[in-house]
Amino acid sequence: MSLKIAICDDEQSQREALGAMAEQWSQKTGQALDIRAFSCAEAFLLDPEEPVCDILLLDVEMTGMSGVELARRLRREKRRVEIVFVSSHFEYIGEGYEVDALHYLVKPVAP
């Protein structure tokens, strides 16, 4: 069974880098992946496939709807998806939203 990974980032180079890291992890662990990339939050929301993913690699800052706004919307809609925020901006560490009494932390992504 494939794990569905969605990458939502407005920079193509970032989408490609995250996709490559996911593929490397897939090869190392033997976990089959179905990876889909989205250039903006709006494209992710308009995707007709439901559920779009099991894990969402989400850029915090994007043109249009930000990653934090998208995450809040997904939680309001009670969508079941694990969200990993991707950012190099540490000012977002203090920004959070409640998910079963847990807060998210923003960490730089590394393989």
Foldseek 3Di string as FASTA:
>chain_A
DAFEEEEEAQDPVVLVVVVVVVVVVCVVVVHHYDYYYHNHLVVCVPDPDPPNGQEYAAEQDDPDQGRVNSVVVCVVVVPRHHYAYADPDQVCQPPFDDDPNDTDGHDHDDD
